[in-house]
Amino acid sequence: MVRVRFAPSPTGELHLGSARTALYNYLFAKKNDGKFIMRLEDTDQERLVEGSLKRMLGGLAWLGLTWDEGPDIGGPYVPYIQSE
């Protein structure tokens, strides 16, 4: 089974390059009957922007992207937030 991930760092707003990468990964997973995984790389605590995670996930949802596993829905391969 194909498993792809999108692993942004919540250090600011979702930008076009990240949205494009997420879209490519999402489409590749769906085309190949795979899983699209959301994993957050929040290891750069000094640059972490409060609220950016929620806005980033909201922006991806607004684009119509849904994930099969992730920090908000769980899954068998925790943690989905790197610092946990």
N, C-alpha and C. Protein backbone atom coordinates (compact mmCIF):
# COMPACT_ATOMS: atom_id res chain seq x y z
N MET A 1 0.84 -1.17 0.00
CA MET A 1 0.00 0.00 0.00
C MET A 1 0.89 1.24 0.00
N VAL A 2 0.49 2.22 -0.77
CA VAL A 2 1.18 3.51 -0.82
C VAL A 2 0.79 4.33 0.40
N ARG A 3 1.80 4.89 1.08
CA ARG A 3 1.58 5.80 2.21
C ARG A 3 2.44 7.03 1.96
N VAL A 4 1.81 8.17 1.84
CA VAL A 4 2.55 9.42 1.66
C VAL A 4 2.19 10.35 2.81
N ARG A 5 3.11 11.27 3.09
CA ARG A 5 2.86 12.18 4.20
C ARG A 5 3.10 13.61 3.78
N PHE A 6 2.47 14.48 4.51
CA PHE A 6 2.75 15.91 4.42
C PHE A 6 3.15 16.31 5.83
N ALA A 7 4.34 16.86 5.99
CA ALA A 7 4.87 17.12 7.33
C ALA A 7 5.37 18.56 7.44
N PRO A 8 4.45 19.51 7.52
CA PRO A 8 4.88 20.91 7.63
C PRO A 8 5.35 21.24 9.04
N SER A 9 6.08 22.32 9.13
CA SER A 9 6.49 22.87 10.42
C SER A 9 5.57 24.05 10.71
N PRO A 10 4.88 24.07 11.83
CA PRO A 10 3.92 25.15 12.13
C PRO A 10 4.63 26.43 12.59
N THR A 11 5.40 27.00 11.66
CA THR A 11 6.16 28.21 11.98
C THR A 11 5.60 29.43 11.27
N GLY A 12 4.41 29.32 10.73
CA GLY A 12 3.77 30.44 10.04
C GLY A 12 2.56 29.96 9.26
N GLU A 13 2.14 30.78 8.34
CA GLU A 13 0.96 30.48 7.55
C GLU A 13 1.27 29.43 6.47
N LEU A 14 0.23 28.74 6.03
CA LEU A 14 0.34 27.82 4.90
C LEU A 14 0.65 28.64 3.66
N HIS A 15 1.71 28.31 2.95
CA HIS A 15 2.04 29.06 1.74
C HIS A 15 1.84 28.18 0.52
N LEU A 16 1.91 28.79 -0.63
CA LEU A 16 1.59 28.12 -1.89
C LEU A 16 2.44 26.87 -2.12
N GLY A 17 3.72 26.94 -1.82
CA GLY A 17 4.59 25.78 -2.02
C GLY A 17 4.18 24.59 -1.16
N SER A 18 3.82 24.86 0.08
CA SER A 18 3.37 23.78 0.96
C SER A 18 2.03 23.23 0.51
N ALA A 19 1.13 24.11 0.10
CA ALA A 19 -0.18 23.66 -0.38
C ALA A 19 -0.01 22.78 -1.62
N ARG A 20 0.90 23.17 -2.51
CA ARG A 20 1.16 22.37 -3.72
C ARG A 20 1.69 20.99 -3.36
N THR A 21 2.65 20.94 -2.45
CA THR A 21 3.21 19.66 -2.02
C THR A 21 2.14 18.77 -1.41
N ALA A 22 1.31 19.34 -0.55
CA ALA A 22 0.22 18.58 0.06
C ALA A 22 -0.73 18.05 -1.01
N LEU A 23 -1.07 18.89 -1.98
CA LEU A 23 -1.98 18.48 -3.05
C LEU A 23 -1.38 17.34 -3.87
N TYR A 24 -0.12 17.45 -4.26
CA TYR A 24 0.52 16.37 -5.02
C TYR A 24 0.50 15.06 -4.24
N ASN A 25 0.87 15.12 -2.97
CA ASN A 25 0.89 13.91 -2.16
C ASN A 25 -0.51 13.32 -2.00
N TYR A 26 -1.48 14.17 -1.77
CA TYR A 26 -2.88 13.74 -1.63
C TYR A 26 -3.35 13.04 -2.91
N LEU A 27 -3.13 13.68 -4.05
CA LEU A 27 -3.58 13.10 -5.32
C LEU A 27 -2.86 11.79 -5.64
N PHE A 28 -1.57 11.72 -5.35
CA PHE A 28 -0.82 10.48 -5.58
C PHE A 28 -1.38 9.35 -4.73
N ALA A 29 -1.65 9.64 -3.46
CA ALA A 29 -2.20 8.61 -2.57
C ALA A 29 -3.56 8.14 -3.07
N LYS A 30 -4.43 9.08 -3.43
CA LYS A 30 -5.78 8.70 -3.85
C LYS A 30 -5.76 7.94 -5.17
N LYS A 31 -4.89 8.34 -6.10
CA LYS A 31 -4.80 7.65 -7.39
C LYS A 31 -4.34 6.21 -7.21
N ASN A 32 -3.52 5.96 -6.20
CA ASN A 32 -2.95 4.63 -5.98
C ASN A 32 -3.59 3.89 -4.81
N ASP A 33 -4.81 4.27 -4.45
CA ASP A 33 -5.54 3.64 -3.35
C ASP A 33 -4.70 3.58 -2.07
N GLY A 34 -3.98 4.67 -1.82
CA GLY A 34 -3.10 4.73 -0.66
C GLY A 34 -3.65 5.60 0.45
N LYS A 35 -2.77 5.93 1.38
CA LYS A 35 -3.11 6.74 2.54
C LYS A 35 -2.33 8.05 2.49
N PHE A 36 -3.02 9.13 2.84
CA PHE A 36 -2.41 10.45 2.95
C PHE A 36 -2.31 10.77 4.44
N ILE A 37 -1.09 10.94 4.92
CA ILE A 37 -0.83 11.09 6.34
C ILE A 37 -0.42 12.54 6.64
N MET A 38 -1.02 13.10 7.68
CA MET A 38 -0.63 14.42 8.16
C MET A 38 0.25 14.23 9.39
N ARG A 39 1.46 14.75 9.32
CA ARG A 39 2.39 14.66 10.45
C ARG A 39 3.03 16.03 10.62
N LEU A 40 3.08 16.52 11.83
CA LEU A 40 3.60 17.86 12.07
C LEU A 40 4.99 17.81 12.68
N GLU A 41 5.90 18.49 12.04
CA GLU A 41 7.29 18.56 12.49
C GLU A 41 7.47 19.84 13.30
N ASP A 42 7.12 19.78 14.56
CA ASP A 42 7.18 20.97 15.42
C ASP A 42 8.43 20.99 16.30
N THR A 43 9.53 20.53 15.76
CA THR A 43 10.76 20.45 16.56
C THR A 43 11.47 21.79 16.69
N ASP A 44 11.17 22.74 15.84
CA ASP A 44 11.78 24.08 15.91
C ASP A 44 10.91 24.95 16.82
N GLN A 45 11.00 24.70 18.12
CA GLN A 45 10.13 25.37 19.09
C GLN A 45 10.37 26.88 19.15
N GLU A 46 11.56 27.33 18.82
CA GLU A 46 11.85 28.76 18.86
C GLU A 46 11.07 29.54 17.81
N ARG A 47 10.80 28.91 16.66
CA ARG A 47 10.09 29.59 15.57
C ARG A 47 8.61 29.24 15.52
N LEU A 48 8.14 28.41 16.42
CA LEU A 48 6.74 28.01 16.46
C LEU A 48 5.84 29.23 16.59
N VAL A 49 4.81 29.32 15.76
CA VAL A 49 3.87 30.43 15.79
C VAL A 49 2.55 29.93 16.36
N GLU A 50 2.13 30.51 17.45
CA GLU A 50 0.89 30.11 18.11
C GLU A 50 -0.29 30.22 17.14
N GLY A 51 -1.07 29.16 17.04
CA GLY A 51 -2.26 29.15 16.19
C GLY A 51 -2.00 28.76 14.74
N SER A 52 -0.73 28.67 14.34
CA SER A 52 -0.47 28.37 12.93
C SER A 52 -0.88 26.95 12.55
N LEU A 53 -0.79 26.02 13.48
CA LEU A 53 -1.21 24.65 13.21
C LEU A 53 -2.69 24.60 12.85
N LYS A 54 -3.51 25.23 13.65
CA LYS A 54 -4.95 25.24 13.40
C LYS A 54 -5.27 25.91 12.07
N ARG A 55 -4.61 27.03 11.78
CA ARG A 55 -4.86 27.73 10.51
C ARG A 55 -4.37 26.91 9.32
N MET A 56 -3.24 26.22 9.48
CA MET A 56 -2.70 25.40 8.41
C MET A 56 -3.64 24.24 8.08
N LEU A 57 -4.11 23.55 9.11
CA LEU A 57 -5.05 22.44 8.89
C LEU A 57 -6.34 22.95 8.28
N GLY A 58 -6.79 24.13 8.73
CA GLY A 58 -8.00 24.73 8.16
C GLY A 58 -7.83 25.09 6.70
N GLY A 59 -6.66 25.60 6.34
CA GLY A 59 -6.39 25.94 4.94
C GLY A 59 -6.38 24.71 4.04
N LEU A 60 -5.80 23.63 4.52
CA LEU A 60 -5.80 22.39 3.74
C LEU A 60 -7.21 21.82 3.61
N ALA A 61 -7.99 21.92 4.67
CA ALA A 61 -9.38 21.46 4.60
C ALA A 61 -10.17 22.32 3.62
N TRP A 62 -9.91 23.64 3.62
CA TRP A 62 -10.58 24.54 2.68
C TRP A 62 -10.27 24.15 1.24
N LEU A 63 -9.06 23.64 1.00
CA LEU A 63 -8.69 23.18 -0.33
C LEU A 63 -9.33 21.84 -0.69
N GLY A 64 -10.00 21.22 0.28
CA GLY A 64 -10.67 19.95 0.04
C GLY A 64 -9.80 18.74 0.34
N LEU A 65 -8.64 18.96 0.97
CA LEU A 65 -7.76 17.85 1.29
C LEU A 65 -8.16 17.26 2.63
N THR A 66 -8.26 15.96 2.65
CA THR A 66 -8.54 15.24 3.90
C THR A 66 -7.45 14.20 4.07
N TRP A 67 -7.12 13.90 5.29
CA TRP A 67 -6.06 12.94 5.56
C TRP A 67 -6.63 11.72 6.25
N ASP A 68 -5.97 10.61 6.04
CA ASP A 68 -6.42 9.34 6.60
C ASP A 68 -5.93 9.12 8.03
N GLU A 69 -4.82 9.74 8.36
CA GLU A 69 -4.25 9.68 9.71
C GLU A 69 -3.65 11.05 10.00
N GLY A 70 -3.67 11.43 11.26
CA GLY A 70 -3.08 12.71 11.60
C GLY A 70 -3.33 13.11 13.04
N PRO A 71 -2.84 14.28 13.43
CA PRO A 71 -2.93 14.69 14.83
C PRO A 71 -4.35 14.91 15.32
N ASP A 72 -5.25 15.24 14.43
CA ASP A 72 -6.63 15.51 14.84
C ASP A 72 -7.53 14.28 14.76
N ILE A 73 -7.09 13.23 14.06
CA ILE A 73 -7.94 12.03 13.94
C ILE A 73 -7.25 10.75 14.40
N GLY A 74 -5.93 10.83 14.66
CA GLY A 74 -5.22 9.65 15.15
C GLY A 74 -4.88 8.67 14.05
N GLY A 75 -4.54 7.48 14.48
CA GLY A 75 -4.14 6.41 13.57
C GLY A 75 -3.20 5.46 14.29
N PRO A 76 -2.78 4.41 13.61
CA PRO A 76 -1.97 3.38 14.27
C PRO A 76 -0.49 3.73 14.45
N TYR A 77 -0.02 4.81 13.85
CA TYR A 77 1.41 5.11 13.89
C TYR A 77 1.70 6.43 14.61
N VAL A 78 1.27 6.54 15.85
CA VAL A 78 1.50 7.76 16.62
C VAL A 78 2.97 7.87 17.00
N PRO A 79 3.48 9.05 17.24
CA PRO A 79 2.77 10.32 17.30
C PRO A 79 2.70 10.99 15.92
N TYR A 80 1.71 11.80 15.72
CA TYR A 80 1.57 12.57 14.49
C TYR A 80 2.04 14.00 14.67
N ILE A 81 2.40 14.34 15.90
CA ILE A 81 3.07 15.60 16.19
C ILE A 81 4.44 15.21 16.75
N GLN A 82 5.49 15.60 16.06
CA GLN A 82 6.83 15.12 16.34
C GLN A 82 7.25 15.30 17.80
N SER A 83 6.86 16.38 18.44
CA SER A 83 7.32 16.64 19.80
C SER A 83 6.63 15.78 20.85
N GLU A 84 5.64 15.02 20.47
CA GLU A 84 4.91 14.19 21.45
C GLU A 84 5.60 12.85 21.66
